[in-house]
Amino acid sequence: MKKVLDFIKNMFLDVFASVSGFIYGFIVVSLAIVVTAAIIYLFLFTKNLIM
């Protein structure tokens, strides 16, 4: 019985780690896209102001 409980506990911990890693990765990718878009926007905006 103890082995079964340990297995279930480890499985839930693995699922929790996988989900939190997925959410963290999603947030990092989203921030990278937003920062890249902001840099491109600022570059084009200042280029438009100068000309």
N, C-alpha and C. Protein backbone atom coordinates (compact mmCIF):
# COMPACT_ATOMS: atom_id res chain seq x y z
N MET A 1 0.83 -1.21 0.00
CA MET A 1 0.00 0.00 0.00
C MET A 1 0.87 1.26 0.00
N LYS A 2 1.97 1.20 0.75
CA LYS A 2 2.85 2.37 0.81
C LYS A 2 3.47 2.66 -0.56
N LYS A 3 3.81 1.59 -1.31
CA LYS A 3 4.37 1.79 -2.64
C LYS A 3 3.35 2.45 -3.57
N VAL A 4 2.08 2.05 -3.44
CA VAL A 4 1.03 2.63 -4.29
C VAL A 4 0.86 4.11 -3.96
N LEU A 5 0.84 4.44 -2.67
CA LEU A 5 0.69 5.85 -2.28
C LEU A 5 1.90 6.67 -2.73
N ASP A 6 3.10 6.12 -2.60
CA ASP A 6 4.29 6.83 -3.08
C ASP A 6 4.22 7.05 -4.59
N PHE A 7 3.76 6.04 -5.32
CA PHE A 7 3.65 6.16 -6.77
C PHE A 7 2.66 7.26 -7.15
N ILE A 8 1.50 7.28 -6.47
CA ILE A 8 0.48 8.30 -6.77
C ILE A 8 1.01 9.69 -6.42
N LYS A 9 1.69 9.79 -5.27
CA LYS A 9 2.25 11.09 -4.86
C LYS A 9 3.28 11.57 -5.88
N ASN A 10 4.17 10.70 -6.30
CA ASN A 10 5.18 11.08 -7.29
C ASN A 10 4.55 11.44 -8.62
N MET A 11 3.48 10.73 -8.99
CA MET A 11 2.81 11.04 -10.26
C MET A 11 2.19 12.44 -10.20
N PHE A 12 1.53 12.77 -9.08
CA PHE A 12 0.94 14.11 -8.97
C PHE A 12 2.01 15.19 -8.95
N LEU A 13 3.15 14.92 -8.30
CA LEU A 13 4.23 15.91 -8.29
C LEU A 13 4.80 16.10 -9.69
N ASP A 14 4.92 15.01 -10.44
CA ASP A 14 5.41 15.13 -11.82
C ASP A 14 4.43 15.92 -12.68
N VAL A 15 3.14 15.66 -12.51
CA VAL A 15 2.13 16.40 -13.29
C VAL A 15 2.18 17.88 -12.92
N PHE A 16 2.31 18.18 -11.63
CA PHE A 16 2.37 19.58 -11.19
C PHE A 16 3.61 20.26 -11.77
N ALA A 17 4.75 19.57 -11.76
CA ALA A 17 5.99 20.15 -12.30
C ALA A 17 5.85 20.37 -13.81
N SER A 18 5.22 19.44 -14.51
CA SER A 18 5.06 19.59 -15.95
C SER A 18 4.15 20.77 -16.28
N VAL A 19 3.05 20.90 -15.56
CA VAL A 19 2.12 22.00 -15.83
C VAL A 19 2.75 23.34 -15.50
N SER A 20 3.44 23.42 -14.37
CA SER A 20 4.07 24.70 -14.01
C SER A 20 5.19 25.04 -15.00
N GLY A 21 5.93 24.05 -15.47
CA GLY A 21 6.94 24.31 -16.48
C GLY A 21 6.35 24.77 -17.79
N PHE A 22 5.21 24.18 -18.17
CA PHE A 22 4.53 24.59 -19.40
C PHE A 22 4.04 26.03 -19.30
N ILE A 23 3.45 26.38 -18.16
CA ILE A 23 2.96 27.75 -17.97
C ILE A 23 4.12 28.74 -17.97
N TYR A 24 5.23 28.37 -17.30
CA TYR A 24 6.40 29.24 -17.27
C TYR A 24 6.96 29.45 -18.69
N GLY A 25 7.05 28.38 -19.43
CA GLY A 25 7.53 28.49 -20.81
C GLY A 25 6.62 29.34 -21.67
N PHE A 26 5.31 29.18 -21.49
CA PHE A 26 4.35 29.99 -22.24
C PHE A 26 4.51 31.47 -21.93
N ILE A 27 4.70 31.78 -20.64
CA ILE A 27 4.88 33.19 -20.24
C ILE A 27 6.17 33.75 -20.82
N VAL A 28 7.25 32.97 -20.80
CA VAL A 28 8.54 33.44 -21.31
C VAL A 28 8.45 33.70 -22.82
N VAL A 29 7.82 32.78 -23.56
CA VAL A 29 7.68 32.97 -25.01
C VAL A 29 6.81 34.19 -25.30
N SER A 30 5.72 34.37 -24.54
CA SER A 30 4.85 35.53 -24.75
C SER A 30 5.60 36.83 -24.50
N LEU A 31 6.38 36.87 -23.42
CA LEU A 31 7.15 38.08 -23.13
C LEU A 31 8.19 38.35 -24.22
N ALA A 32 8.81 37.31 -24.74
CA ALA A 32 9.79 37.50 -25.81
C ALA A 32 9.12 38.08 -27.05
N ILE A 33 7.92 37.59 -27.39
CA ILE A 33 7.20 38.11 -28.55
C ILE A 33 6.82 39.58 -28.33
N VAL A 34 6.35 39.91 -27.12
CA VAL A 34 5.95 41.29 -26.82
C VAL A 34 7.15 42.22 -26.88
N VAL A 35 8.28 41.82 -26.33
CA VAL A 35 9.47 42.68 -26.33
C VAL A 35 9.97 42.88 -27.76
N THR A 36 9.97 41.82 -28.56
CA THR A 36 10.41 41.94 -29.95
C THR A 36 9.49 42.88 -30.73
N ALA A 37 8.19 42.73 -30.54
CA ALA A 37 7.23 43.60 -31.23
C ALA A 37 7.41 45.05 -30.79
N ALA A 38 7.66 45.28 -29.50
CA ALA A 38 7.85 46.65 -29.01
C ALA A 38 9.12 47.27 -29.61
N ILE A 39 10.17 46.49 -29.71
CA ILE A 39 11.42 47.01 -30.29
C ILE A 39 11.21 47.36 -31.76
N ILE A 40 10.55 46.49 -32.50
CA ILE A 40 10.28 46.77 -33.92
C ILE A 40 9.40 48.01 -34.06
N TYR A 41 8.36 48.10 -33.20
CA TYR A 41 7.46 49.25 -33.26
C TYR A 41 8.21 50.55 -32.97
N LEU A 42 9.04 50.56 -31.93
CA LEU A 42 9.79 51.76 -31.58
C LEU A 42 10.78 52.14 -32.68
N PHE A 43 11.42 51.13 -33.28
CA PHE A 43 12.36 51.40 -34.37
C PHE A 43 11.64 52.05 -35.54
N LEU A 44 10.49 51.50 -35.93
CA LEU A 44 9.75 52.06 -37.06
C LEU A 44 9.17 53.43 -36.72
N PHE A 45 8.73 53.60 -35.45
CA PHE A 45 8.15 54.87 -35.03
C PHE A 45 9.20 55.98 -35.07
N THR A 46 10.40 55.70 -34.53
CA THR A 46 11.44 56.74 -34.53
C THR A 46 11.94 56.99 -35.95
N LYS A 47 11.99 55.97 -36.77
CA LYS A 47 12.39 56.16 -38.16
C LYS A 47 11.39 57.06 -38.88
N ASN A 48 10.10 56.89 -38.56
CA ASN A 48 9.06 57.70 -39.17
C ASN A 48 9.14 59.15 -38.65
N LEU A 49 9.50 59.35 -37.39
CA LEU A 49 9.62 60.71 -36.84
C LEU A 49 10.78 61.45 -37.47
N ILE A 50 11.90 60.75 -37.70
CA ILE A 50 13.09 61.41 -38.23
C ILE A 50 12.85 61.87 -39.68
N MET A 51 12.19 61.01 -40.44
CA MET A 51 12.01 61.35 -41.86
C MET A 51 10.86 62.28 -42.10
